[in-house]
Amino acid sequence: MQARYIAAMEALHRLCLFVAGVCLVVITIIIPWGVFTRYVLNYGSAWPEPLAVLLMIWFSFTAAALCYRERLHISVQILPMVLQGRPRLLVGWLVEFAMAGMNLFMLVWGIRLVHTTWFQVISDFPLVSVGISYLPVPLGGAITLLFVVERLWTGRLFQEPAEEELAPVSVE
């Protein structure tokens, strides 16, 4: 059962990576297009900037879930580093339960926010619901909550990220 859950989380991880990557590529393409139309063609396209903002929201929440699962999120490790045994385990569980609570909050209140704004439209895209721009909040909360469950289930509370996941640092 645990192996299947981890496999499902791996698939979800790859999906988040794909969504974040597509968002980043599209943003990288459309922003120069907006600059080109404004300064070269003297006709500014109205859609690149609001679309980039919408994609950045989707990118941010999917990338945040990815960073959490890959242990690349911002965290202060001073306390866990000085503790050993049961106190370290308790701090780990406390941190993960705090993460679960925060993501549960994002899930519940994000759903309410999406529900409240679903029938409003984005002014620059009259066919797109405002709820679509808020949808990453509950989705990101749900995905990260699933990743929290995975971490608690496997017991890998303070595992360092794999060496190949870290970018090399230059101190020159």
C-alpha atoms as a PDB file:
ATOM      1  CA  MET A   1       0.000   0.000   0.000  1.00  0.00           C
ATOM      2  CA  GLN A   2       2.775   2.435   0.929  1.00  0.00           C
ATOM      3  CA  ALA A   3       4.689   1.656  -2.278  1.00  0.00           C
ATOM      4  CA  ARG A   4       1.593   2.427  -4.373  1.00  0.00           C
ATOM      5  CA  TYR A   5       1.037   5.702  -2.540  1.00  0.00           C
ATOM      6  CA  ILE A   6       4.656   6.716  -3.104  1.00  0.00           C
ATOM      7  CA  ALA A   7       4.328   5.783  -6.791  1.00  0.00           C
ATOM      8  CA  ALA A   8       1.186   7.923  -7.042  1.00  0.00           C
ATOM      9  CA  MET A   9       3.010  10.821  -5.372  1.00  0.00           C
ATOM     10  CA  GLU A  10       5.871  10.378  -7.834  1.00  0.00           C
ATOM     11  CA  ALA A  11       3.381  10.645 -10.717  1.00  0.00           C
ATOM     12  CA  LEU A  12       1.818  13.732  -9.100  1.00  0.00           C
ATOM     13  CA  HIS A  13       5.317  15.152  -8.659  1.00  0.00           C
ATOM     14  CA  ARG A  14       6.022  14.683 -12.380  1.00  0.00           C
ATOM     15  CA  LEU A  15       2.683  16.306 -13.274  1.00  0.00           C
ATOM     16  CA  CYS A  16       3.523  19.337 -11.113  1.00  0.00           C
ATOM     17  CA  LEU A  17       6.942  19.515 -12.732  1.00  0.00           C
ATOM     18  CA  PHE A  18       5.330  19.425 -16.178  1.00  0.00           C
ATOM     19  CA  VAL A  19       2.768  22.137 -15.334  1.00  0.00           C
ATOM     20  CA  ALA A  20       5.408  24.392 -13.769  1.00  0.00           C
ATOM     21  CA  GLY A  21       7.727  23.846 -16.730  1.00  0.00           C
ATOM     22  CA  VAL A  22       5.039  24.615 -19.302  1.00  0.00           C
ATOM     23  CA  CYS A  23       4.060  27.767 -17.408  1.00  0.00           C
ATOM     24  CA  LEU A  24       7.644  28.950 -17.300  1.00  0.00           C
ATOM     25  CA  VAL A  25       8.244  28.265 -21.007  1.00  0.00           C
ATOM     26  CA  VAL A  26       5.044  30.029 -22.054  1.00  0.00           C
ATOM     27  CA  ILE A  27       5.856  33.028 -19.854  1.00  0.00           C
ATOM     28  CA  THR A  28       9.333  33.162 -21.374  1.00  0.00           C
ATOM     29  CA  ILE A  29       7.808  33.263 -24.863  1.00  0.00           C
ATOM     30  CA  ILE A  30       4.912  35.672 -24.363  1.00  0.00           C
ATOM     31  CA  ILE A  31       6.655  38.418 -22.402  1.00  0.00           C
ATOM     32  CA  PRO A  32       9.203  39.130 -25.186  1.00  0.00           C
ATOM     33  CA  TRP A  33       6.265  39.057 -27.626  1.00  0.00           C
ATOM     34  CA  GLY A  34       4.558  41.783 -25.617  1.00  0.00           C
ATOM     35  CA  VAL A  35       7.746  43.859 -25.585  1.00  0.00           C
ATOM     36  CA  PHE A  36       8.235  43.308 -29.336  1.00  0.00           C
ATOM     37  CA  THR A  37       4.703  44.404 -30.203  1.00  0.00           C
ATOM     38  CA  ARG A  38       4.913  47.471 -28.006  1.00  0.00           C
ATOM     39  CA  TYR A  39       8.339  48.808 -29.006  1.00  0.00           C
ATOM     40  CA  VAL A  40       8.852  47.456 -32.506  1.00  0.00           C
ATOM     41  CA  LEU A  41       5.337  47.349 -33.948  1.00  0.00           C
ATOM     42  CA  ASN A  42       4.094  50.324 -31.889  1.00  0.00           C
ATOM     43  CA  TYR A  43       1.017  48.316 -31.050  1.00  0.00           C
ATOM     44  CA  GLY A  44       0.992  46.853 -27.572  1.00  0.00           C
ATOM     45  CA  SER A  45      -0.675  43.464 -27.215  1.00  0.00           C
ATOM     46  CA  ALA A  46      -2.983  43.534 -24.224  1.00  0.00           C
ATOM     47  CA  TRP A  47      -2.946  39.813 -23.432  1.00  0.00           C
ATOM     48  CA  PRO A  48       0.716  38.843 -22.676  1.00  0.00           C
ATOM     49  CA  GLU A  49       0.989  40.530 -19.281  1.00  0.00           C
ATOM     50  CA  PRO A  50      -2.286  39.264 -17.720  1.00  0.00           C
ATOM     51  CA  LEU A  51      -1.666  35.796 -19.146  1.00  0.00           C
ATOM     52  CA  ALA A  52       1.864  35.837 -17.696  1.00  0.00           C
ATOM     53  CA  VAL A  53       0.449  36.813 -14.297  1.00  0.00           C
ATOM     54  CA  LEU A  54      -2.084  33.970 -14.462  1.00  0.00           C
ATOM     55  CA  LEU A  55       0.624  31.491 -15.452  1.00  0.00           C
ATOM     56  CA  MET A  56       2.934  32.790 -12.718  1.00  0.00           C
ATOM     57  CA  ILE A  57       0.256  32.016 -10.133  1.00  0.00           C
ATOM     58  CA  TRP A  58      -0.032  28.449 -11.441  1.00  0.00           C
ATOM     59  CA  PHE A  59       3.752  28.147 -11.589  1.00  0.00           C
ATOM     60  CA  SER A  60       4.203  29.412  -8.025  1.00  0.00           C
ATOM     61  CA  PHE A  61       1.822  26.966  -6.373  1.00  0.00           C
ATOM     62  CA  THR A  62       2.949  23.915  -8.357  1.00  0.00           C
ATOM     63  CA  ALA A  63       6.615  24.798  -7.851  1.00  0.00           C
ATOM     64  CA  ALA A  64       6.029  25.315  -4.114  1.00  0.00           C
ATOM     65  CA  ALA A  65       4.601  21.800  -3.848  1.00  0.00           C
ATOM     66  CA  LEU A  66       7.585  20.465  -5.810  1.00  0.00           C
ATOM     67  CA  CYS A  67      10.066  22.253  -3.570  1.00  0.00           C
ATOM     68  CA  TYR A  68       8.366  20.874  -0.475  1.00  0.00           C
ATOM     69  CA  ARG A  69       8.551  17.286  -1.741  1.00  0.00           C
ATOM     70  CA  GLU A  70      12.163  17.691  -2.872  1.00  0.00           C
ATOM     71  CA  ARG A  71      13.095  19.328   0.444  1.00  0.00           C
ATOM     72  CA  LEU A  72      14.220  22.478  -1.304  1.00  0.00           C
ATOM     73  CA  HIS A  73      11.818  24.821   0.465  1.00  0.00           C
ATOM     74  CA  ILE A  74      12.999  27.430   2.917  1.00  0.00           C
ATOM     75  CA  SER A  75      13.398  25.983   6.384  1.00  0.00           C
ATOM     76  CA  VAL A  76      15.408  26.673   9.498  1.00  0.00           C
ATOM     77  CA  GLN A  77      17.247  23.542  10.545  1.00  0.00           C
ATOM     78  CA  ILE A  78      19.050  24.844  13.638  1.00  0.00           C
ATOM     79  CA  LEU A  79      16.753  23.234  16.206  1.00  0.00           C
ATOM     80  CA  PRO A  80      16.525  19.807  14.525  1.00  0.00           C
ATOM     81  CA  MET A  81      20.302  19.756  14.031  1.00  0.00           C
ATOM     82  CA  VAL A  82      20.990  20.129  17.763  1.00  0.00           C
ATOM     83  CA  LEU A  83      18.355  17.599  18.839  1.00  0.00           C
ATOM     84  CA  GLN A  84      18.676  13.835  18.791  1.00  0.00           C
ATOM     85  CA  GLY A  85      16.295  10.931  19.282  1.00  0.00           C
ATOM     86  CA  ARG A  86      12.752  11.450  20.458  1.00  0.00           C
ATOM     87  CA  PRO A  87      12.875  15.276  20.783  1.00  0.00           C
ATOM     88  CA  ARG A  88      14.056  15.540  17.155  1.00  0.00           C
ATOM     89  CA  LEU A  89      11.256  13.211  16.057  1.00  0.00           C
ATOM     90  CA  LEU A  90       8.687  15.269  17.972  1.00  0.00           C
ATOM     91  CA  VAL A  91       9.902  18.488  16.348  1.00  0.00           C
ATOM     92  CA  GLY A  92       9.650  16.785  12.951  1.00  0.00           C
ATOM     93  CA  TRP A  93       6.088  15.688  13.574  1.00  0.00           C
ATOM     94  CA  LEU A  94       5.190  19.155  14.892  1.00  0.00           C
ATOM     95  CA  VAL A  95       6.603  20.805  11.770  1.00  0.00           C
ATOM     96  CA  GLU A  96       4.765  18.394   9.473  1.00  0.00           C
ATOM     97  CA  PHE A  97       1.485  18.856  11.334  1.00  0.00           C
ATOM     98  CA  ALA A  98       1.916  22.631  11.020  1.00  0.00           C
ATOM     99  CA  MET A  99       2.480  22.161   7.277  1.00  0.00           C
ATOM    100  CA  ALA A 100      -0.599  19.935   7.100  1.00  0.00           C
ATOM    101  CA  GLY A 101      -2.657  22.548   8.934  1.00  0.00           C
ATOM    102  CA  MET A 102      -1.506  25.345   6.655  1.00  0.00           C
ATOM    103  CA  ASN A 103      -2.228  23.330   3.527  1.00  0.00           C
ATOM    104  CA  LEU A 104      -5.588  22.206   4.865  1.00  0.00           C
ATOM    105  CA  PHE A 105      -6.385  25.897   5.404  1.00  0.00           C
ATOM    106  CA  MET A 106      -5.349  26.620   1.804  1.00  0.00           C
ATOM    107  CA  LEU A 107      -7.493  23.740   0.567  1.00  0.00           C
ATOM    108  CA  VAL A 108     -10.683  24.618   2.480  1.00  0.00           C
ATOM    109  CA  TRP A 109     -10.583  28.392   2.131  1.00  0.00           C
ATOM    110  CA  GLY A 110      -9.176  28.166  -1.392  1.00  0.00           C
ATOM    111  CA  ILE A 111     -12.188  26.103  -2.456  1.00  0.00           C
ATOM    112  CA  ARG A 112     -14.460  28.740  -0.945  1.00  0.00           C
ATOM    113  CA  LEU A 113     -12.553  31.482  -2.766  1.00  0.00           C
ATOM    114  CA  VAL A 114     -12.787  29.639  -6.092  1.00  0.00           C
ATOM    115  CA  HIS A 115     -16.485  28.987  -5.516  1.00  0.00           C
ATOM    116  CA  THR A 116     -17.122  32.654  -4.693  1.00  0.00           C
ATOM    117  CA  THR A 117     -15.275  33.977  -7.766  1.00  0.00           C
ATOM    118  CA  TRP A 118     -16.168  31.279 -10.306  1.00  0.00           C
ATOM    119  CA  PHE A 119     -18.873  33.291 -12.076  1.00  0.00           C
ATOM    120  CA  GLN A 120     -16.785  36.448 -12.382  1.00  0.00           C
ATOM    121  CA  VAL A 121     -14.649  36.898 -15.471  1.00  0.00           C
ATOM    122  CA  ILE A 122     -11.146  38.220 -15.959  1.00  0.00           C
ATOM    123  CA  SER A 123     -11.516  41.554 -17.768  1.00  0.00           C
ATOM    124  CA  ASP A 124      -8.699  40.810 -20.229  1.00  0.00           C
ATOM    125  CA  PHE A 125     -10.080  37.318 -20.951  1.00  0.00           C
ATOM    126  CA  PRO A 126     -13.885  37.461 -20.867  1.00  0.00           C
ATOM    127  CA  LEU A 127     -14.195  33.700 -21.388  1.00  0.00           C
ATOM    128  CA  VAL A 128     -11.968  32.840 -18.409  1.00  0.00           C
ATOM    129  CA  SER A 129     -13.324  32.688 -14.870  1.00  0.00           C
ATOM    130  CA  VAL A 130     -11.615  34.554 -12.055  1.00  0.00           C
ATOM    131  CA  GLY A 131     -11.919  31.264 -10.176  1.00  0.00           C
ATOM    132  CA  ILE A 132      -9.316  29.799 -12.543  1.00  0.00           C
ATOM    133  CA  SER A 133      -6.786  32.297 -11.218  1.00  0.00           C
ATOM    134  CA  TYR A 134      -7.532  31.205  -7.638  1.00  0.00           C
ATOM    135  CA  LEU A 135      -7.731  27.476  -8.392  1.00  0.00           C
ATOM    136  CA  PRO A 136      -3.989  26.937  -7.738  1.00  0.00           C
ATOM    137  CA  VAL A 137      -4.533  27.835  -4.063  1.00  0.00           C
ATOM    138  CA  PRO A 138      -6.666  24.798  -3.156  1.00  0.00           C
ATOM    139  CA  LEU A 139      -4.867  22.568  -5.652  1.00  0.00           C
ATOM    140  CA  GLY A 140      -1.460  23.529  -4.272  1.00  0.00           C
ATOM    141  CA  GLY A 141      -2.767  22.985  -0.742  1.00  0.00           C
ATOM    142  CA  ALA A 142      -4.158  19.560  -1.635  1.00  0.00           C
ATOM    143  CA  ILE A 143      -1.014  18.448  -3.454  1.00  0.00           C
ATOM    144  CA  THR A 144       1.300  19.610  -0.685  1.00  0.00           C
ATOM    145  CA  LEU A 145      -0.999  17.977   1.884  1.00  0.00           C
ATOM    146  CA  LEU A 146      -0.624  14.684   0.004  1.00  0.00           C
ATOM    147  CA  PHE A 147       3.150  15.173   0.059  1.00  0.00           C
ATOM    148  CA  VAL A 148       2.994  15.830   3.834  1.00  0.00           C
ATOM    149  CA  VAL A 149       1.119  12.555   4.289  1.00  0.00           C
ATOM    150  CA  GLU A 150       3.819  10.809   2.262  1.00  0.00           C
ATOM    151  CA  ARG A 151       6.579  12.301   4.406  1.00  0.00           C
ATOM    152  CA  LEU A 152       4.844  11.356   7.653  1.00  0.00           C
ATOM    153  CA  TRP A 153       4.088   7.852   6.387  1.00  0.00           C
ATOM    154  CA  THR A 154       7.653   7.186   5.270  1.00  0.00           C
ATOM    155  CA  GLY A 155       9.130   8.814   8.381  1.00  0.00           C
ATOM    156  CA  ARG A 156      11.734  10.802   6.409  1.00  0.00           C
ATOM    157  CA  LEU A 157      11.315  13.976   8.412  1.00  0.00           C
ATOM    158  CA  PHE A 158      14.737  15.624   8.203  1.00  0.00           C
ATOM    159  CA  GLN A 159      16.270  13.881   5.229  1.00  0.00           C
ATOM    160  CA  GLU A 160      18.631  16.077   3.240  1.00  0.00           C
ATOM    161  CA  PRO A 161      17.885  16.612  -0.479  1.00  0.00           C
ATOM    162  CA  ALA A 162      19.771  14.330  -2.852  1.00  0.00           C
ATOM    163  CA  GLU A 163      23.047  15.742  -4.157  1.00  0.00           C
ATOM    164  CA  GLU A 164      21.855  15.659  -7.777  1.00  0.00           C
ATOM    165  CA  GLU A 165      18.852  17.846  -6.850  1.00  0.00           C
ATOM    166  CA  LEU A 166      21.032  20.680  -5.592  1.00  0.00           C
ATOM    167  CA  ALA A 167      22.535  23.267  -7.907  1.00  0.00           C
ATOM    168  CA  PRO A 168      26.284  23.737  -7.633  1.00  0.00           C
ATOM    169  CA  VAL A 169      27.320  26.842  -5.725  1.00  0.00           C
ATOM    170  CA  SER A 170      30.223  29.006  -6.763  1.00  0.00           C
ATOM    171  CA  VAL A 171      31.987  31.171  -4.167  1.00  0.00           C
ATOM    172  CA  GLU A 172      34.367  32.994  -6.465  1.00  0.00           C
END
